[in-house]
C-alpha atoms as a PDB file:
ATOM      1  CA  MET A   1     -33.449  17.112  26.889  1.00  0.00           C
ATOM      2  CA  ARG A   2     -32.098  20.445  25.640  1.00  0.00           C
ATOM      3  CA  PHE A   3     -29.255  20.249  28.119  1.00  0.00           C
ATOM      4  CA  ALA A   4     -28.257  16.777  26.842  1.00  0.00           C
ATOM      5  CA  VAL A   5     -28.281  18.009  23.239  1.00  0.00           C
ATOM      6  CA  LEU A   6     -26.218  21.089  24.153  1.00  0.00           C
ATOM      7  CA  LEU A   7     -23.723  18.967  26.085  1.00  0.00           C
ATOM      8  CA  SER A   8     -23.256  16.551  23.172  1.00  0.00           C
ATOM      9  CA  VAL A   9     -22.665  19.450  20.768  1.00  0.00           C
ATOM     10  CA  CYS A  10     -20.043  20.953  23.096  1.00  0.00           C
ATOM     11  CA  VAL A  11     -18.237  17.609  23.441  1.00  0.00           C
ATOM     12  CA  SER A  12     -18.250  17.146  19.659  1.00  0.00           C
ATOM     13  CA  LEU A  13     -16.816  20.624  19.066  1.00  0.00           C
ATOM     14  CA  ALA A  14     -14.127  20.095  21.690  1.00  0.00           C
ATOM     15  CA  THR A  15     -13.125  16.751  20.195  1.00  0.00           C
ATOM     16  CA  THR A  16     -12.930  18.278  16.713  1.00  0.00           C
ATOM     17  CA  SER A  17     -10.760  21.159  17.867  1.00  0.00           C
ATOM     18  CA  LEU A  18      -8.390  18.787  19.682  1.00  0.00           C
ATOM     19  CA  SER A  19      -8.032  16.518  16.636  1.00  0.00           C
ATOM     20  CA  ASP A  20      -7.370  19.517  14.405  1.00  0.00           C
ATOM     21  CA  GLY A  21      -4.647  20.774  16.701  1.00  0.00           C
ATOM     22  CA  GLY A  22      -2.960  17.401  17.221  1.00  0.00           C
ATOM     23  CA  GLU A  23      -1.573  14.638  15.072  1.00  0.00           C
ATOM     24  CA  ILE A  24      -3.567  12.165  13.026  1.00  0.00           C
ATOM     25  CA  SER A  25      -2.611   8.498  13.213  1.00  0.00           C
ATOM     26  CA  GLN A  26      -3.440   5.577  10.961  1.00  0.00           C
ATOM     27  CA  VAL A  27      -2.611   1.980  11.959  1.00  0.00           C
ATOM     28  CA  HIS A  28      -3.099  -1.098   9.783  1.00  0.00           C
ATOM     29  CA  ASP A  29      -2.434  -4.696  10.794  1.00  0.00           C
ATOM     30  CA  LEU A  30      -1.204  -6.934   7.993  1.00  0.00           C
ATOM     31  CA  PRO A  31      -1.696 -10.645   7.236  1.00  0.00           C
ATOM     32  CA  ALA A  32       1.158 -13.142   6.916  1.00  0.00           C
ATOM     33  CA  LEU A  33       3.660 -11.987   4.301  1.00  0.00           C
ATOM     34  CA  LYS A  34       6.213 -13.539   1.955  1.00  0.00           C
ATOM     35  CA  ILE A  35       8.229 -10.892   0.160  1.00  0.00           C
ATOM     36  CA  GLY A  36      11.493 -10.558  -1.727  1.00  0.00           C
ATOM     37  CA  ALA A  37      14.208  -8.026  -0.895  1.00  0.00           C
ATOM     38  CA  THR A  38      13.764  -6.144  -4.172  1.00  0.00           C
ATOM     39  CA  ASP A  39      10.000  -5.866  -3.605  1.00  0.00           C
ATOM     40  CA  LEU A  40      10.547  -4.504  -0.102  1.00  0.00           C
ATOM     41  CA  ASP A  41      13.120  -2.054  -1.476  1.00  0.00           C
ATOM     42  CA  ALA A  42      10.527  -0.705  -3.921  1.00  0.00           C
ATOM     43  CA  ILE A  43       8.053  -0.131  -1.070  1.00  0.00           C
ATOM     44  CA  LEU A  44      10.677   1.623   1.090  1.00  0.00           C
ATOM     45  CA  LEU A  45      11.793   3.885  -1.761  1.00  0.00           C
ATOM     46  CA  LYS A  46       8.183   4.779  -2.561  1.00  0.00           C
ATOM     47  CA  THR A  47       7.572   5.538   1.105  1.00  0.00           C
ATOM     48  CA  ARG A  48      10.598   7.829   1.260  1.00  0.00           C
ATOM     49  CA  SER A  49       9.572   9.677  -1.901  1.00  0.00           C
ATOM     50  CA  LEU A  50       6.064  10.286  -0.524  1.00  0.00           C
ATOM     51  CA  ILE A  51       7.526  11.560   2.749  1.00  0.00           C
ATOM     52  CA  ASP A  52       9.767  13.988   0.818  1.00  0.00           C
ATOM     53  CA  ALA A  53       6.805  15.133  -1.262  1.00  0.00           C
ATOM     54  CA  ALA A  54       4.751  15.797   1.874  1.00  0.00           C
ATOM     55  CA  ASN A  55       7.448  17.303   4.117  1.00  0.00           C
ATOM     56  CA  GLY A  56       9.650  18.946   1.512  1.00  0.00           C
ATOM     57  CA  PRO A  57      12.927  17.833  -0.083  1.00  0.00           C
ATOM     58  CA  GLU A  58      14.958  19.596   2.625  1.00  0.00           C
ATOM     59  CA  ASP A  59      13.491  17.272   5.272  1.00  0.00           C
ATOM     60  CA  SER A  60      16.185  15.598   7.388  1.00  0.00           C
ATOM     61  CA  GLY A  61      14.178  13.298   9.587  1.00  0.00           C
ATOM     62  CA  CYS A  62      15.651  10.455  11.586  1.00  0.00           C
ATOM     63  CA  GLU A  63      15.460   7.026   9.954  1.00  0.00           C
ATOM     64  CA  MET A  64      16.410   3.604  11.210  1.00  0.00           C
ATOM     65  CA  VAL A  65      16.244   0.057   9.889  1.00  0.00           C
ATOM     66  CA  LYS A  66      16.267  -2.865  12.315  1.00  0.00           C
ATOM     67  CA  VAL A  67      16.721  -6.514  11.374  1.00  0.00           C
ATOM     68  CA  SER A  68      17.057  -9.688  13.396  1.00  0.00           C
ATOM     69  CA  ILE A  69      19.538 -12.298  12.136  1.00  0.00           C
ATOM     70  CA  ASP A  70      19.882 -15.568  14.070  1.00  0.00           C
ATOM     71  CA  GLY A  71      18.548 -13.923  17.220  1.00  0.00           C
ATOM     72  CA  HIS A  72      20.861 -10.890  16.980  1.00  0.00           C
ATOM     73  CA  ASN A  73      19.233  -7.476  16.536  1.00  0.00           C
ATOM     74  CA  ILE A  74      21.063  -5.146  14.159  1.00  0.00           C
ATOM     75  CA  GLU A  75      20.163  -1.455  14.015  1.00  0.00           C
ATOM     76  CA  ILE A  76      21.160   0.683  11.011  1.00  0.00           C
ATOM     77  CA  PRO A  77      20.755   4.442  11.726  1.00  0.00           C
ATOM     78  CA  HIS A  78      19.684   5.383   8.201  1.00  0.00           C
ATOM     79  CA  LEU A  79      17.543   4.114   5.353  1.00  0.00           C
ATOM     80  CA  SER A  80      19.195   0.908   4.214  1.00  0.00           C
ATOM     81  CA  LEU A  81      17.593  -1.106   1.453  1.00  0.00           C
ATOM     82  CA  ALA A  82      16.844  -4.733   2.226  1.00  0.00           C
ATOM     83  CA  SER A  83      18.881  -5.970  -0.739  1.00  0.00           C
ATOM     84  CA  SER A  84      21.963  -4.118   0.556  1.00  0.00           C
ATOM     85  CA  VAL A  85      21.904  -5.854   3.952  1.00  0.00           C
ATOM     86  CA  ALA A  86      24.040  -8.987   4.155  1.00  0.00           C
ATOM     87  CA  PHE A  87      21.774 -11.706   5.549  1.00  0.00           C
ATOM     88  CA  PRO A  88      21.039 -15.375   4.809  1.00  0.00           C
ATOM     89  CA  ASN A  89      18.519 -16.255   2.166  1.00  0.00           C
ATOM     90  CA  GLU A  90      15.663 -15.849   4.677  1.00  0.00           C
ATOM     91  CA  LEU A  91      14.986 -13.134   7.238  1.00  0.00           C
ATOM     92  CA  PHE A  92      12.092 -13.287   9.696  1.00  0.00           C
ATOM     93  CA  GLU A  93      12.054  -9.823  11.268  1.00  0.00           C
ATOM     94  CA  PHE A  94      12.401  -6.382   9.708  1.00  0.00           C
ATOM     95  CA  SER A  95      11.500  -2.898  10.949  1.00  0.00           C
ATOM     96  CA  TYR A  96      11.666   0.585   9.434  1.00  0.00           C
ATOM     97  CA  MET A  97      11.188   3.782  11.446  1.00  0.00           C
ATOM     98  CA  TYR A  98      11.024   7.426  10.387  1.00  0.00           C
ATOM     99  CA  SER A  99      10.547  10.381  12.728  1.00  0.00           C
ATOM    100  CA  GLN A 100      10.419  14.176  12.251  1.00  0.00           C
ATOM    101  CA  PRO A 101       8.141  16.142  14.605  1.00  0.00           C
ATOM    102  CA  ASP A 102       5.728  18.855  13.493  1.00  0.00           C
ATOM    103  CA  LYS A 103       5.535  17.768   9.867  1.00  0.00           C
ATOM    104  CA  PRO A 104       2.636  16.712   7.613  1.00  0.00           C
ATOM    105  CA  ILE A 105       4.048  13.192   8.000  1.00  0.00           C
ATOM    106  CA  SER A 106       5.908  13.100  11.295  1.00  0.00           C
ATOM    107  CA  SER A 107       6.217   9.384  11.948  1.00  0.00           C
ATOM    108  CA  VAL A 108       6.229   6.186   9.892  1.00  0.00           C
ATOM    109  CA  ARG A 109       6.758   2.773  11.417  1.00  0.00           C
ATOM    110  CA  ILE A 110       6.764  -0.566   9.590  1.00  0.00           C
ATOM    111  CA  ASP A 111       7.035  -3.627  11.846  1.00  0.00           C
ATOM    112  CA  LEU A 112       7.261  -6.988  10.105  1.00  0.00           C
ATOM    113  CA  GLY A 113       7.678 -10.107  12.209  1.00  0.00           C
ATOM    114  CA  ASP A 114       6.177 -13.458  13.061  1.00  0.00           C
ATOM    115  CA  SER A 115       3.728 -12.257  15.714  1.00  0.00           C
ATOM    116  CA  LEU A 116       3.199  -8.657  14.572  1.00  0.00           C
ATOM    117  CA  ARG A 117       2.919  -7.099  11.126  1.00  0.00           C
ATOM    118  CA  ARG A 118       1.807  -3.516  11.355  1.00  0.00           C
ATOM    119  CA  VAL A 119       2.049  -0.221   9.487  1.00  0.00           C
ATOM    120  CA  SER A 120       1.517   3.018  11.418  1.00  0.00           C
ATOM    121  CA  VAL A 121       1.674   6.559  10.045  1.00  0.00           C
ATOM    122  CA  SER A 122       1.245   9.813  11.994  1.00  0.00           C
ATOM    123  CA  GLY A 123       1.345  13.479  11.076  1.00  0.00           C
ATOM    124  CA  ALA A 124      -0.375  16.835  11.029  1.00  0.00           C
ATOM    125  CA  SER A 125      -1.960  16.359   7.584  1.00  0.00           C
ATOM    126  CA  ALA A 126      -4.874  13.938   7.609  1.00  0.00           C
ATOM    127  CA  ASP A 127      -4.858  13.540   3.811  1.00  0.00           C
ATOM    128  CA  LYS A 128      -1.124  12.786   3.624  1.00  0.00           C
ATOM    129  CA  VAL A 129      -1.259  10.359   6.538  1.00  0.00           C
ATOM    130  CA  GLU A 130      -4.273   8.495   5.201  1.00  0.00           C
ATOM    131  CA  GLY A 131      -2.866   8.346   1.666  1.00  0.00           C
ATOM    132  CA  LEU A 132       0.498   6.921   2.736  1.00  0.00           C
ATOM    133  CA  SER A 133      -0.973   4.414   5.192  1.00  0.00           C
ATOM    134  CA  LYS A 134      -3.455   3.059   2.656  1.00  0.00           C
ATOM    135  CA  LEU A 135      -0.765   2.848  -0.018  1.00  0.00           C
ATOM    136  CA  LEU A 136       1.538   0.887   2.306  1.00  0.00           C
ATOM    137  CA  GLU A 137      -1.253  -1.473   3.282  1.00  0.00           C
ATOM    138  CA  LYS A 138      -2.159  -2.070  -0.365  1.00  0.00           C
ATOM    139  CA  ASP A 139       1.452  -2.703  -1.419  1.00  0.00           C
ATOM    140  CA  PHE A 140       2.114  -5.158   1.407  1.00  0.00           C
ATOM    141  CA  ARG A 141      -1.141  -7.060   0.937  1.00  0.00           C
ATOM    142  CA  ARG A 142       0.000  -7.980  -2.570  1.00  0.00           C
ATOM    143  CA  HIS A 143       2.533 -10.269  -0.885  1.00  0.00           C
ATOM    144  CA  ALA A 144       0.106 -11.833   1.597  1.00  0.00           C
ATOM    145  CA  THR A 145       0.013 -15.603   2.070  1.00  0.00           C
ATOM    146  CA  ALA A 146      -2.696 -17.703   3.673  1.00  0.00           C
ATOM    147  CA  ALA A 147      -0.293 -20.395   4.954  1.00  0.00           C
ATOM    148  CA  GLY A 148       1.608 -18.619   7.702  1.00  0.00           C
ATOM    149  CA  GLY A 149       1.399 -16.863  11.035  1.00  0.00           C
ATOM    150  CA  GLY A 150       0.731 -17.930  14.595  1.00  0.00           C
ATOM    151  CA  LYS A 151      -3.031 -18.346  14.190  1.00  0.00           C
ATOM    152  CA  PHE A 152      -2.653 -20.524  11.110  1.00  0.00           C
ATOM    153  CA  ARG A 153      -0.010 -22.676  12.837  1.00  0.00           C
ATOM    154  CA  ARG A 154      -2.211 -23.206  15.888  1.00  0.00           C
ATOM    155  CA  VAL A 155      -5.266 -24.193  13.847  1.00  0.00           C
ATOM    156  CA  ALA A 156      -3.252 -26.445  11.516  1.00  0.00           C
ATOM    157  CA  GLY A 157      -1.299 -27.997  14.401  1.00  0.00           C
ATOM    158  CA  ILE A 158      -4.406 -28.862  16.412  1.00  0.00           C
ATOM    159  CA  SER A 159      -6.226 -30.193  13.345  1.00  0.00           C
ATOM    160  CA  PHE A 160      -3.347 -32.377  12.164  1.00  0.00           C
ATOM    161  CA  SER A 161      -2.580 -33.622  15.702  1.00  0.00           C
ATOM    162  CA  MET A 162      -6.183 -34.692  16.270  1.00  0.00           C
ATOM    163  CA  ALA A 163      -6.400 -36.281  12.823  1.00  0.00           C
ATOM    164  CA  PHE A 164      -3.204 -38.332  13.178  1.00  0.00           C
ATOM    165  CA  LEU A 165      -3.948 -39.328  16.791  1.00  0.00           C
ATOM    166  CA  THR A 166      -7.388 -40.505  15.738  1.00  0.00           C
ATOM    167  CA  SER A 167      -5.817 -42.465  12.891  1.00  0.00           C
ATOM    168  CA  VAL A 168      -3.301 -44.106  15.246  1.00  0.00           C
ATOM    169  CA  MET A 169      -5.957 -45.171  17.762  1.00  0.00           C
ATOM    170  CA  ILE A 170      -8.538 -46.405  15.268  1.00  0.00           C
ATOM    171  CA  SER A 171      -6.067 -48.219  12.992  1.00  0.00           C
ATOM    172  CA  SER A 172      -4.354 -49.844  16.015  1.00  0.00           C
ATOM    173  CA  ALA A 173      -7.734 -51.034  17.313  1.00  0.00           C
ATOM    174  CA  TYR A 174      -8.566 -52.369  13.848  1.00  0.00           C
ATOM    175  CA  CYS A 175      -5.318 -54.328  13.598  1.00  0.00           C
ATOM    176  CA  TRP A 176      -5.811 -55.741  17.096  1.00  0.00           C
ATOM    177  CA  ASN A 177      -9.467 -56.737  16.664  1.00  0.00           C
ATOM    178  CA  THR A 178      -9.098 -58.278  13.210  1.00  0.00           C
ATOM    179  CA  ARG A 179      -5.601 -59.713  13.782  1.00  0.00           C
ATOM    180  CA  ASN A 180      -4.749 -58.260  10.395  1.00  0.00           C
ATOM    181  CA  TYR A 181      -1.130 -57.418  11.136  1.00  0.00           C
ATOM    182  CA  ARG A 182      -0.396 -56.718   7.492  1.00  0.00           C
ATOM    183  CA  ALA A 183      -2.213 -53.425   8.059  1.00  0.00           C
ATOM    184  CA  LEU A 184       0.246 -52.298  10.750  1.00  0.00           C
ATOM    185  CA  GLY A 185       1.625 -49.838   8.245  1.00  0.00           C
ATOM    186  CA  MET A 186      -1.419 -47.627   8.843  1.00  0.00           C
ATOM    187  CA  PRO A 187      -0.822 -46.914  12.560  1.00  0.00           C
ATOM    188  CA  ILE A 188       2.942 -46.696  11.992  1.00  0.00           C
ATOM    189  CA  CYS A 189       2.586 -44.111   9.212  1.00  0.00           C
ATOM    190  CA  ALA A 190      -0.008 -42.209  11.258  1.00  0.00           C
ATOM    191  CA  ALA A 191       2.412 -42.137  14.198  1.00  0.00           C
ATOM    192  CA  VAL A 192       5.154 -40.816  11.889  1.00  0.00           C
ATOM    193  CA  GLY A 193       2.773 -38.095  10.680  1.00  0.00           C
ATOM    194  CA  PHE A 194       2.001 -37.158  14.295  1.00  0.00           C
ATOM    195  CA  LEU A 195       5.728 -36.924  15.088  1.00  0.00           C
ATOM    196  CA  LEU A 196       6.222 -34.686  12.071  1.00  0.00           C
ATOM    197  CA  VAL A 197       3.556 -32.343  13.413  1.00  0.00           C
ATOM    198  CA  LEU A 198       5.372 -32.210  16.772  1.00  0.00           C
ATOM    199  CA  LEU A 199       8.965 -31.992  15.557  1.00  0.00           C
ATOM    200  CA  VAL A 200       8.835 -29.750  12.473  1.00  0.00           C
ATOM    201  CA  PRO A 201       9.945 -26.158  13.341  1.00  0.00           C
ATOM    202  CA  TRP A 202       6.675 -24.597  12.225  1.00  0.00           C
ATOM    203  CA  ASN A 203       7.665 -21.084  13.292  1.00  0.00           C
ATOM    204  CA  ARG A 204      10.368 -21.121  10.598  1.00  0.00           C
ATOM    205  CA  PHE A 205       8.467 -23.282   8.126  1.00  0.00           C
ATOM    206  CA  LEU A 206       5.208 -21.295   8.260  1.00  0.00           C
ATOM    207  CA  PRO A 207       6.303 -17.897   9.596  1.00  0.00           C
ATOM    208  CA  GLY A 208       4.124 -14.834   9.833  1.00  0.00           C
ATOM    209  CA  PHE A 209       6.754 -12.920   7.880  1.00  0.00           C
ATOM    210  CA  VAL A 210       9.661 -14.016   5.722  1.00  0.00           C
ATOM    211  CA  LEU A 211      11.964 -11.844   3.630  1.00  0.00           C
ATOM    212  CA  TYR A 212      13.848 -13.590   0.845  1.00  0.00           C
ATOM    213  CA  GLN A 213      17.195 -12.352  -0.397  1.00  0.00           C
ATOM    214  CA  ARG A 214      16.268 -13.982  -3.689  1.00  0.00           C
ATOM    215  CA  TYR A 215      13.407 -16.156  -4.876  1.00  0.00           C
ATOM    216  CA  SER A 216      14.121 -19.745  -5.854  1.00  0.00           C
ATOM    217  CA  PRO A 217      13.398 -20.421  -9.550  1.00  0.00           C
ATOM    218  CA  PHE A 218      11.907 -23.813  -8.642  1.00  0.00           C
ATOM    219  CA  PHE A 219       8.185 -23.852  -7.897  1.00  0.00           C
ATOM    220  CA  LEU A 220       8.318 -26.658  -5.299  1.00  0.00           C
ATOM    221  CA  ILE A 221      11.076 -24.912  -3.333  1.00  0.00           C
ATOM    222  CA  ARG A 222       9.426 -21.502  -3.561  1.00  0.00           C
ATOM    223  CA  HIS A 223       6.111 -22.911  -2.282  1.00  0.00           C
ATOM    224  CA  ALA A 224       7.525 -25.675  -0.062  1.00  0.00           C
ATOM    225  CA  SER A 225       5.421 -24.748   2.993  1.00  0.00           C
ATOM    226  CA  GLN A 226       2.121 -24.829   1.089  1.00  0.00           C
ATOM    227  CA  VAL A 227       3.091 -28.077  -0.643  1.00  0.00           C
ATOM    228  CA  PHE A 228       3.993 -29.664   2.718  1.00  0.00           C
ATOM    229  CA  VAL A 229       0.659 -28.659   4.275  1.00  0.00           C
ATOM    230  CA  VAL A 230      -1.234 -30.058   1.276  1.00  0.00           C
ATOM    231  CA  CYS A 231       0.737 -33.318   1.508  1.00  0.00           C
ATOM    232  CA  LEU A 232      -0.040 -33.645   5.223  1.00  0.00           C
ATOM    233  CA  SER A 233      -3.727 -33.014   4.528  1.00  0.00           C
ATOM    234  CA  ARG A 234      -3.711 -35.615   1.768  1.00  0.00           C
ATOM    235  CA  LEU A 235      -1.883 -38.123   3.977  1.00  0.00           C
ATOM    236  CA  SER A 236      -4.341 -37.630   6.825  1.00  0.00           C
ATOM    237  CA  SER A 237      -7.363 -38.050   4.538  1.00  0.00           C
ATOM    238  CA  GLU A 238      -5.844 -41.198   3.014  1.00  0.00           C
ATOM    239  CA  PHE A 239      -5.429 -42.700   6.483  1.00  0.00           C
ATOM    240  CA  HIS A 240      -9.043 -42.084   7.358  1.00  0.00           C
ATOM    241  CA  TYR A 241     -10.227 -43.416   4.030  1.00  0.00           C
ATOM    242  CA  SER A 242      -8.141 -46.580   4.417  1.00  0.00           C
ATOM    243  CA  ILE A 243      -9.377 -47.121   7.963  1.00  0.00           C
ATOM    244  CA  PHE A 244     -13.074 -46.629   7.396  1.00  0.00           C
ATOM    245  CA  PHE A 245     -13.226 -48.148   3.896  1.00  0.00           C
ATOM    246  CA  HIS A 246     -10.676 -50.911   4.242  1.00  0.00           C
ATOM    247  CA  GLU A 247     -11.669 -53.625   1.798  1.00  0.00           C
ATOM    248  CA  SER A 248      -8.948 -56.183   2.316  1.00  0.00           C
ATOM    249  CA  SER A 249     -11.260 -58.211   4.552  1.00  0.00           C
ATOM    250  CA  GLY A 250     -14.203 -57.764   2.222  1.00  0.00           C
ATOM    251  CA  ARG A 251     -16.173 -55.424   4.522  1.00  0.00           C
ATOM    252  CA  VAL A 252     -16.248 -51.818   5.596  1.00  0.00           C
ATOM    253  CA  PHE A 253     -14.700 -51.117   8.990  1.00  0.00           C
ATOM    254  CA  VAL A 254     -16.829 -48.871  11.208  1.00  0.00           C
END
């Protein structure tokens, strides 16, 4: 028993000494984001000022910004603000990297994309690393959106596909059994809704990350993805209501 206690104490002391002598790392995964270029610029400038405050104004670390435009990766070997990069109104991948070994903050990496949104900070000072990583996470989470990302698209796609397929089958069976061909609009509209689910480019419509060069002043355009999802949900519920509570024949269809 004493040997086990002594061994655990030795392991704890060894782990502490190794962590004190090495670098501390903080990694935070982010939710789906919708952010404007000016907002991202403010976060990058704040990050750079905190790095200078931690490492000293004479710090000359290596910086790089990487963007992906229409499938082409562009690397800029210095800090370039998002608003100064010429890109279309929407950008779906952005990365920022800073590196300077043996400093209180030796590495900062911001990866923003459809499948991965992550902030990682490393350095010799635990307080500086933790402070910067938490600040970055807090600033980015202000621009989080619930409607976006691969997980959301999979759940929404499966749900809408099952709902519209069910509507097509049940409404088609209803029209066939009752010979009420005036109700053919129900299976036709349900089939159109199912095709929309299959054909809409959801990875661009509900991305995990999107950077806007400028925000649209119109509410419906600025929130088009959320409005479209709400409309699909409303359309699907209307189909099911019409099918199960169809009153044109004077009875409820079940």
